[in-house]
Protein backbone atom coordinates (compact mmCIF):
# COMPACT_ATOMS: atom_id res chain seq x y z
CA MET A 1 1.65 -117.29 -188.64
CA THR A 2 -0.17 -113.83 -188.45
CA THR A 3 1.43 -111.45 -191.03
CA SER A 4 -1.17 -108.75 -192.13
CA GLY A 5 0.32 -105.38 -191.52
CA ALA A 6 3.34 -106.88 -189.55
CA TRP A 7 7.07 -106.88 -190.07
CA ILE A 8 8.34 -110.30 -191.24
CA GLY A 9 11.77 -112.05 -190.62
CA VAL A 10 13.13 -114.63 -192.79
CA ASP A 11 15.97 -116.91 -191.93
CA ILE A 12 17.59 -118.45 -194.90
CA CYS A 13 19.41 -121.72 -195.50
CA LYS A 14 19.99 -123.77 -198.61
CA ARG A 15 17.03 -126.06 -198.25
CA TYR A 16 14.34 -124.08 -196.55
CA LEU A 17 13.12 -120.64 -195.31
CA ASP A 18 11.98 -120.01 -191.77
CA VAL A 19 9.39 -117.15 -191.76
CA GLY A 20 8.12 -115.53 -188.73
CA SER A 21 6.57 -112.19 -187.44
CA THR A 22 6.26 -110.39 -184.18
CA THR A 23 2.98 -112.12 -183.66
CA GLY A 24 2.00 -115.76 -184.45
CA THR A 25 4.13 -118.93 -184.90
CA PRO A 26 6.96 -119.25 -187.41
CA VAL A 27 6.43 -121.48 -190.33
CA ARG A 28 8.98 -123.31 -192.65
CA VAL A 29 8.78 -123.32 -196.48
CA ALA A 30 10.98 -124.76 -199.16
CA ASN A 31 13.76 -122.64 -200.48
CA ASP A 32 13.16 -123.38 -204.13
CA ALA A 33 11.57 -121.32 -206.98
CA ASP A 34 8.04 -122.48 -206.14
CA GLY A 35 8.45 -122.01 -202.38
CA ARG A 36 9.84 -118.51 -202.81
CA ALA A 37 7.26 -117.40 -205.32
CA ALA A 38 4.39 -118.66 -203.08
CA LEU A 39 5.79 -116.81 -200.01
CA ALA A 40 6.10 -113.66 -202.01
CA ARG A 41 2.53 -113.81 -203.32
CA ARG A 42 1.17 -114.61 -199.85
CA LEU A 43 3.05 -111.62 -198.16
CA ARG A 44 1.87 -109.30 -200.98
CA CYS A 45 -1.68 -110.28 -200.41
CA GLU A 46 -1.34 -109.78 -196.67
CA ASN A 47 0.12 -106.32 -197.12
CA VAL A 48 3.02 -106.64 -194.79
CA ARG A 49 4.91 -103.62 -193.67
CA GLY A 50 8.30 -105.06 -194.69
CA VAL A 51 10.47 -108.14 -194.74
CA ILE A 52 13.93 -108.49 -193.02
CA LEU A 53 16.63 -110.77 -194.33
CA GLU A 54 20.15 -111.23 -193.25
CA ALA A 55 23.01 -110.92 -195.72
CA THR A 56 24.03 -114.58 -196.36
CA GLY A 57 26.68 -114.35 -198.99
CA GLY A 58 24.32 -114.46 -201.83
CA LEU A 59 21.70 -116.90 -200.77
CA GLU A 60 19.29 -114.05 -200.17
CA ARG A 61 19.33 -112.93 -203.83
CA PRO A 62 16.80 -115.37 -205.31
CA LEU A 63 14.37 -114.52 -202.47
CA MET A 64 14.87 -110.83 -202.89
CA GLN A 65 14.09 -111.20 -206.69
CA ALA A 66 10.97 -113.06 -205.81
CA PHE A 67 9.86 -110.29 -203.50
CA ALA A 68 10.76 -107.58 -206.10
CA ALA A 69 8.59 -109.40 -208.63
CA GLU A 70 5.61 -109.22 -206.31
CA GLY A 71 6.35 -105.78 -205.03
CA VAL A 72 7.04 -106.87 -201.46
CA PRO A 73 9.27 -104.41 -199.65
CA ALA A 74 12.37 -106.34 -198.28
CA SER A 75 15.57 -105.16 -196.54
CA ILE A 76 18.88 -106.93 -196.25
CA VAL A 77 20.56 -106.18 -192.84
CA ASN A 78 23.90 -106.97 -191.33
CA PRO A 79 23.72 -110.20 -189.27
CA ALA A 80 25.92 -108.67 -186.61
CA ARG A 81 23.59 -105.90 -185.90
CA VAL A 82 20.65 -108.24 -185.48
CA ARG A 83 22.64 -110.41 -183.15
CA LYS A 84 23.55 -107.40 -180.96
CA PHE A 85 19.89 -106.28 -181.02
CA ALA A 86 18.83 -109.88 -179.83
CA GLU A 87 21.35 -109.75 -176.98
CA GLY A 88 20.23 -106.26 -176.04
CA VAL A 89 16.66 -107.34 -175.58
CA GLY A 90 17.83 -110.39 -173.59
CA GLN A 91 17.52 -113.08 -176.16
CA LEU A 92 20.61 -115.02 -175.83
CA ALA A 93 19.35 -118.38 -177.18
CA LYS A 94 19.74 -118.84 -181.03
CA SER A 95 17.82 -121.04 -183.41
CA ASP A 96 16.33 -120.60 -186.88
CA ARG A 97 12.85 -119.99 -185.47
CA ILE A 98 14.19 -117.68 -182.80
CA ASP A 99 16.06 -115.77 -185.38
CA THR A 100 13.02 -115.10 -187.52
CA THR A 101 11.21 -113.52 -184.65
CA MET A 102 14.27 -111.43 -183.74
CA LEU A 103 14.51 -110.25 -187.37
CA ALA A 104 10.85 -109.26 -187.25
CA ARG A 105 11.26 -107.39 -184.03
CA PHE A 106 14.49 -105.64 -185.44
CA GLY A 107 12.49 -104.51 -188.38
CA ASP A 108 9.71 -103.27 -186.14
CA TYR A 109 12.15 -101.22 -184.10
CA MET A 110 14.56 -100.01 -186.76
CA LYS A 111 12.12 -99.76 -189.81
CA PRO A 112 14.87 -99.95 -192.42
CA GLY A 113 14.03 -98.78 -195.93
CA PRO A 114 13.90 -101.46 -198.64
CA THR A 115 17.12 -102.69 -200.23
CA ALA A 116 17.36 -101.96 -203.92
CA LEU A 117 18.45 -104.90 -206.01
CA ALA A 118 21.47 -104.34 -208.29
CA ASP A 119 20.69 -104.44 -211.92
CA PRO A 120 22.32 -107.29 -213.93
CA PRO A 121 25.28 -105.38 -215.23
CA ARG A 122 26.02 -104.03 -211.67
CA GLN A 123 25.64 -107.46 -210.19
CA LYS A 124 28.01 -108.88 -212.90
CA LEU A 125 30.50 -106.22 -212.00
CA ARG A 126 30.20 -107.16 -208.18
CA ASP A 127 30.81 -110.84 -209.02
CA LEU A 128 33.85 -110.01 -211.24
CA LEU A 129 35.30 -107.90 -208.45
CA ALA A 130 34.71 -110.54 -205.85
CA TYR A 131 36.38 -113.21 -208.08
CA ARG A 132 39.39 -110.95 -208.57
CA ALA A 133 39.62 -110.47 -204.84
CA GLN A 134 39.58 -114.15 -204.38
CA ILE A 135 42.44 -114.59 -206.92
CA ASN A 136 44.33 -111.81 -205.20
CA GLN A 137 44.08 -113.71 -201.92
CA GLU A 138 45.28 -116.91 -203.56
CA ILE A 139 48.28 -115.20 -205.10
CA THR A 140 49.23 -113.75 -201.68
CA ALA A 141 48.89 -117.09 -199.99
CA ARG A 142 50.91 -118.95 -202.59
CA SER A 143 53.53 -116.32 -202.68
CA ALA A 144 54.07 -116.54 -198.97
CA GLN A 145 54.31 -120.38 -199.16
CA ILE A 146 56.63 -120.51 -202.04
CA ARG A 147 59.64 -119.53 -199.92
CA LEU A 148 59.26 -122.76 -197.89
CA TYR A 149 59.77 -125.13 -200.85
CA THR A 150 63.12 -126.66 -201.34
CA ALA A 151 62.43 -129.17 -204.11
CA THR A 152 63.28 -127.61 -207.48
CA ASP A 153 60.38 -129.28 -209.39
CA LEU A 154 57.91 -128.28 -206.70
CA LEU A 155 59.18 -124.75 -206.80
CA ALA A 156 58.81 -124.53 -210.50
CA ARG A 157 55.10 -125.85 -210.29
CA ALA A 158 54.28 -123.34 -207.68
CA LYS A 159 55.70 -120.35 -209.71
CA ALA A 160 53.79 -121.60 -212.73
CA ALA A 161 50.69 -121.73 -210.64
CA ILE A 162 51.18 -118.02 -209.46
CA GLU A 163 51.83 -116.85 -212.95
CA ALA A 164 48.61 -118.60 -214.10
CA LEU A 165 46.67 -116.82 -211.35
CA ARG A 166 48.23 -113.48 -212.36
CA ALA A 167 47.24 -114.10 -215.97
CA GLU A 168 43.63 -114.90 -214.80
CA ARG A 169 43.58 -111.68 -212.86
CA LYS A 170 44.55 -109.70 -215.91
CA THR A 171 41.76 -111.38 -217.87
CA ILE A 172 39.26 -110.51 -215.12
CA GLU A 173 40.46 -106.80 -215.14
CA ARG A 174 39.88 -106.63 -218.98
CA GLU A 175 36.34 -108.02 -218.38
CA ILE A 176 35.63 -105.45 -215.68
CA GLU A 177 36.74 -102.62 -217.94
CA ALA A 178 34.77 -104.04 -220.96
CA LEU A 179 31.61 -104.32 -218.86
CA ILE A 180 31.93 -100.68 -217.57
CA LYS A 181 32.54 -99.38 -221.11
CA ALA A 182 29.49 -101.26 -222.40
CA GLN A 183 27.21 -99.51 -220.11
CA ALA A 184 26.62 -95.83 -220.86
CA ALA A 185 25.75 -94.82 -217.24
CA MET A 186 28.68 -96.69 -215.69
CA GLN A 187 31.10 -95.30 -218.41
CA VAL A 188 30.15 -91.69 -217.51
CA VAL A 189 30.89 -92.29 -213.79
CA TYR A 190 34.07 -94.26 -214.58
CA GLN A 191 35.51 -91.66 -216.74
CA ARG A 192 34.77 -88.97 -214.05
CA LEU A 193 36.27 -90.96 -211.13
CA ILE A 194 39.49 -91.86 -212.85
CA THR A 195 40.34 -88.09 -213.44
CA MET A 196 41.30 -88.09 -209.81
CA PRO A 197 45.01 -89.12 -209.31
CA GLY A 198 45.13 -92.37 -207.26
CA VAL A 199 41.93 -93.68 -208.68
CA GLY A 200 42.31 -96.58 -211.16
CA LEU A 201 40.22 -99.25 -212.70
CA ILE A 202 39.49 -101.26 -209.48
CA VAL A 203 38.82 -98.36 -207.22
CA ALA A 204 36.44 -96.76 -209.78
CA ALA A 205 34.80 -100.18 -210.45
CA THR A 206 34.32 -100.82 -206.76
CA MET A 207 32.69 -97.37 -206.25
CA ILE A 208 30.31 -98.10 -209.25
CA ALA A 209 29.39 -101.60 -207.91
CA GLU A 210 29.27 -101.11 -204.21
CA LEU A 211 28.52 -97.40 -203.56
CA ARG A 212 25.44 -96.34 -205.68
CA GLU A 213 24.87 -93.57 -203.21
CA LEU A 214 28.01 -91.71 -204.26
CA GLY A 215 27.04 -88.21 -205.39
CA ASP A 216 23.61 -88.49 -203.71
CA MET A 217 24.50 -87.96 -200.00
CA ASN A 218 26.23 -85.34 -198.05
CA ARG A 219 29.93 -85.76 -196.88
CA ARG A 220 29.00 -87.01 -193.39
CA GLN A 221 26.46 -89.57 -194.69
CA ILE A 222 28.79 -91.04 -197.29
CA ALA A 223 31.58 -91.22 -194.89
CA SER A 224 29.47 -93.10 -192.47
CA ILE A 225 28.26 -95.76 -194.88
CA CYS A 226 31.75 -96.38 -196.12
CA GLY A 227 33.08 -96.73 -192.53
CA VAL A 228 35.58 -93.77 -192.61
CA ALA A 229 33.76 -91.56 -190.13
CA PRO A 230 35.28 -91.36 -186.81
CA PHE A 231 32.83 -92.13 -183.89
CA PRO A 232 33.15 -90.39 -180.49
CA ASN A 233 34.02 -92.37 -177.44
CA GLU A 234 33.19 -90.13 -174.50
CA SER A 235 31.77 -90.46 -171.13
CA GLY A 236 31.50 -87.66 -168.63
CA ASP A 237 34.81 -85.85 -168.46
CA ARG A 238 36.67 -88.64 -170.30
CA LYS A 239 37.54 -88.02 -173.96
CA GLY A 240 38.20 -91.30 -175.48
CA TYR A 241 40.01 -92.08 -178.77
CA ARG A 242 37.86 -91.54 -181.83
CA SER A 243 37.88 -94.53 -184.18
CA ILE A 244 36.18 -95.71 -187.49
CA ARG A 245 34.11 -98.90 -187.55
CA GLY A 246 31.42 -100.57 -189.65
CA GLY A 247 30.66 -99.62 -193.07
CA ARG A 248 31.12 -101.37 -196.35
CA ASP A 249 34.37 -103.41 -196.34
CA GLU A 250 34.96 -103.51 -200.14
CA VAL A 251 34.62 -99.70 -200.40
CA ARG A 252 36.84 -98.88 -197.45
CA GLN A 253 39.56 -101.19 -198.79
CA ALA A 254 39.35 -99.54 -202.25
CA LEU A 255 39.66 -96.12 -200.54
CA PHE A 256 42.69 -97.44 -198.57
CA ASN A 257 44.49 -98.46 -201.73
CA CYS A 258 43.53 -95.12 -203.44
CA ALA A 259 44.93 -93.19 -200.49
CA ARG A 260 48.22 -95.20 -200.45
CA VAL A 261 48.77 -94.02 -204.00
CA ALA A 262 47.31 -90.52 -203.48
CA ILE A 263 49.68 -89.52 -200.71
CA ARG A 264 52.47 -89.91 -203.08
CA HIS A 265 51.01 -88.46 -206.29
CA ASN A 266 47.91 -86.48 -205.59
CA SER A 267 48.33 -82.73 -205.35
CA VAL A 268 45.60 -82.41 -202.62
CA ALA A 269 46.05 -85.59 -200.73
CA LYS A 270 49.89 -85.40 -200.41
CA PRO A 271 50.17 -82.10 -198.79
CA PHE A 272 47.14 -82.91 -196.61
CA TYR A 273 48.56 -86.15 -195.29
CA GLU A 274 51.98 -84.43 -194.71
CA ARG A 275 50.37 -81.68 -192.69
CA LEU A 276 48.68 -84.24 -190.42
CA ARG A 277 51.91 -86.18 -189.93
CA ALA A 278 53.80 -82.94 -189.20
CA ARG A 279 51.17 -82.27 -186.45
CA GLY A 280 52.11 -85.67 -184.84
CA LYS A 281 49.35 -87.76 -186.15
CA ALA A 282 50.12 -91.47 -186.62
CA HIS A 283 50.37 -92.86 -190.09
CA LYS A 284 47.23 -94.71 -189.95
CA VAL A 285 45.28 -91.82 -188.54
CA ALA A 286 46.59 -89.51 -191.31
CA LEU A 287 45.83 -92.26 -193.90
CA VAL A 288 42.20 -92.61 -192.69
CA ALA A 289 41.72 -88.95 -192.73
CA THR A 290 43.06 -88.84 -196.23
CA MET A 291 40.62 -91.71 -197.31
CA ARG A 292 37.81 -89.49 -195.95
CA LYS A 293 38.89 -86.47 -197.79
CA LEU A 294 39.28 -88.33 -201.04
CA LEU A 295 35.87 -89.78 -200.57
CA THR A 296 34.37 -86.33 -200.04
CA ILE A 297 35.96 -85.01 -203.11
CA LEU A 298 34.73 -88.02 -205.27
CA ASN A 299 31.20 -87.46 -203.77
CA ALA A 300 31.34 -83.81 -204.74
CA MET A 301 32.63 -84.56 -208.25
CA LEU A 302 29.60 -86.81 -208.98
CA LYS A 303 27.23 -84.53 -207.29
CA THR A 304 28.27 -81.37 -209.35
CA ASN A 305 29.14 -83.39 -212.58
CA THR A 306 32.71 -82.08 -212.66
CA ASP A 307 36.00 -83.77 -213.21
CA TRP A 308 39.06 -83.53 -210.97
CA THR A 309 40.48 -79.97 -211.58
CA CYS A 310 43.30 -79.53 -209.05
CA LYS A 311 46.69 -79.20 -210.77
CA PRO A 312 49.99 -80.36 -209.32
CA ALA A 313 51.82 -77.65 -207.39
């Protein structure tokens, strides 16, 4: 495999790593501590331009840590974008070795910046939020199923299981709050965010964990990475329906929950939403616009180091 000065693609699975570049033949190395460290050292010595990895639900973290330790620039990218890129260049076949080459070609074409690793407290916060989300899904599923049970003893067991899950959720929420308050930088951001009506513990924690760029970008950039910016759909004289897509799912869901509360209790969001509805906008359209407005305000609050100042009418 020729790597010097090239973009590198790495396809990750539990047992091994397939490594390829835009030139040369892909190679396979063990996905263990020794294999990751050796790969990182080799790529550092060969002065590669960058390494492209797909987000794989956490399997990429140890490799990213090995690259960070050796100063190798690496980027985590959305697998769907790479797949569409491959189809766009006519590569319809898919295998681990083909994927490594397509990742390298994607990097050469897009030239993404390195992905910053979350520090340990922020990663712990992400894990706690992900665990809470799993508990929420389990509570929702069990609550939907409980109506189907007719046996009294089974119904009692199901209710007890749901109550145990709710107690676990409360415990996780206390751990999330304690973690934020134990970190001075997180605590400052948290206290500022929750001054906005509609922003509670989970919304603020999600912004801290998943949106480090909040306060550092302009309103259009921050809306785009959160997936609440409407994209045009036009061709010739046709003006298609503008819709949102992409972005960070966890942040968008947090903004959705925030907006649902804000349109009832926030002195800016409530009249804004009502004006859109009075103009004939559908509920979802008005709600997404409210999400974008709230995000813009939160971004400005952190950028200017100011708390929420709008008073109820």
